[in-house]
Amino acid sequence: MPHRLETAKARAVGTRQTLRALEKGIAEIVFVAQDAEERVTRPVVELARRRGVPCVPVATMNELGKHCNINVGAAAAAILRAELPHRATASG
């Protein structure tokens, strides 16, 4: 399934970008490298669980980086929703 990252129209790469996407509610699916330090990936996994976003393990950071089309490893990545979530607005 990480191969979906290669063709995704929008994605977040890295722990910070992935956390931001989860916080904004635009992450559709999250990928986490199993060889990354737990202190780095734990916040991503926990927030994904709380938000109900599927979290898919990937064997290595290098493998995840390759699927993201970058030349370095990545601890986490996410495929982003095509549409932003609708926000309720107050009309006055």
Protein backbone atom coordinates (compact mmCIF):
# COMPACT_ATOMS: atom_id res chain seq x y z
CA MET A 1 0.00 0.00 0.00
CA PRO A 2 2.88 2.50 0.47
CA HIS A 3 3.15 2.54 -3.34
CA ARG A 4 0.06 4.81 -3.27
CA LEU A 5 2.35 7.57 -1.99
CA GLU A 6 4.22 7.61 -5.31
CA THR A 7 1.15 8.67 -7.26
CA ALA A 8 -0.72 10.63 -4.59
CA LYS A 9 -1.79 14.09 -5.74
CA ALA A 10 -1.10 15.50 -2.28
CA ARG A 11 1.04 14.11 0.50
CA ALA A 12 2.83 15.09 3.67
CA VAL A 13 6.38 13.83 4.14
CA GLY A 14 8.09 13.77 7.50
CA THR A 15 6.86 13.74 11.06
CA ARG A 16 6.10 17.47 11.32
CA GLN A 17 4.15 17.67 8.07
CA THR A 18 2.27 14.48 8.91
CA LEU A 19 1.33 15.79 12.36
CA ARG A 20 0.12 19.07 10.83
CA ALA A 21 -2.01 17.19 8.31
CA LEU A 22 -3.54 15.10 11.09
CA GLU A 23 -4.24 18.20 13.18
CA LYS A 24 -5.94 19.91 10.21
CA GLY A 25 -8.01 16.80 9.50
CA ILE A 26 -6.71 16.38 5.95
CA ALA A 27 -4.72 13.14 6.36
CA GLU A 28 -6.48 10.23 4.67
CA ILE A 29 -3.96 7.52 5.56
CA VAL A 30 -0.66 7.60 7.48
CA PHE A 31 2.48 5.53 6.94
CA VAL A 32 5.07 5.03 9.70
CA ALA A 33 8.55 3.52 9.35
CA GLN A 34 9.07 0.68 11.80
CA ASP A 35 12.81 1.35 12.18
CA ALA A 36 12.29 5.01 13.16
CA GLU A 37 12.72 5.97 16.79
CA GLU A 38 9.53 5.47 18.75
CA ARG A 39 9.85 8.90 20.38
CA VAL A 40 9.58 10.38 16.88
CA THR A 41 6.71 8.27 15.57
CA ARG A 42 4.63 7.84 18.73
CA PRO A 43 2.91 11.27 18.45
CA VAL A 44 1.93 10.49 14.85
CA VAL A 45 0.56 7.05 15.69
CA GLU A 46 -1.36 8.32 18.72
CA LEU A 47 -2.91 11.27 16.87
CA ALA A 48 -3.84 9.08 13.91
CA ARG A 49 -5.55 6.65 16.30
CA ARG A 50 -7.47 9.48 18.02
CA ARG A 51 -8.55 10.92 14.66
CA GLY A 52 -9.55 7.53 13.26
CA VAL A 53 -6.98 7.69 10.46
CA PRO A 54 -5.55 4.32 9.33
CA CYS A 55 -1.86 3.92 10.19
CA VAL A 56 0.13 1.57 7.95
CA PRO A 57 3.55 0.25 9.02
CA VAL A 58 6.42 0.37 6.52
CA ALA A 59 9.55 -1.70 7.15
CA THR A 60 12.21 1.01 6.93
CA MET A 61 12.65 4.75 6.73
CA ASN A 62 14.56 4.33 3.46
CA GLU A 63 11.67 2.38 1.93
CA LEU A 64 9.18 5.03 3.02
CA GLY A 65 11.43 7.76 1.61
CA LYS A 66 11.59 5.97 -1.75
CA HIS A 67 7.81 5.71 -1.88
CA CYS A 68 7.69 9.49 -1.26
CA ASN A 69 10.11 10.08 -4.15
CA ILE A 70 12.84 11.52 -1.90
CA ASN A 71 16.47 10.45 -1.61
CA VAL A 72 16.50 10.22 2.17
CA GLY A 73 14.54 8.24 4.72
CA ALA A 74 11.27 9.40 6.23
CA ALA A 75 9.87 8.41 9.62
CA ALA A 76 6.28 9.22 8.64
CA ALA A 77 4.19 10.28 5.66
CA ALA A 78 0.54 10.73 4.80
CA ILE A 79 -1.70 10.83 1.78
CA LEU A 80 -3.88 13.91 1.98
CA ARG A 81 -7.55 14.19 1.14
CA ALA A 82 -8.43 15.63 -2.24
CA GLU A 83 -10.89 18.02 -0.61
CA LEU A 84 -10.43 19.95 2.59
CA PRO A 85 -12.88 19.13 5.36
CA HIS A 86 -15.89 21.44 5.48
CA ARG A 87 -15.88 23.84 8.37
CA ALA A 88 -19.01 25.22 9.92
CA THR A 89 -19.21 28.95 9.60
CA ALA A 90 -21.35 31.32 11.54
CA SER A 91 -23.44 33.60 9.42
CA GLY A 92 -24.48 36.81 10.89
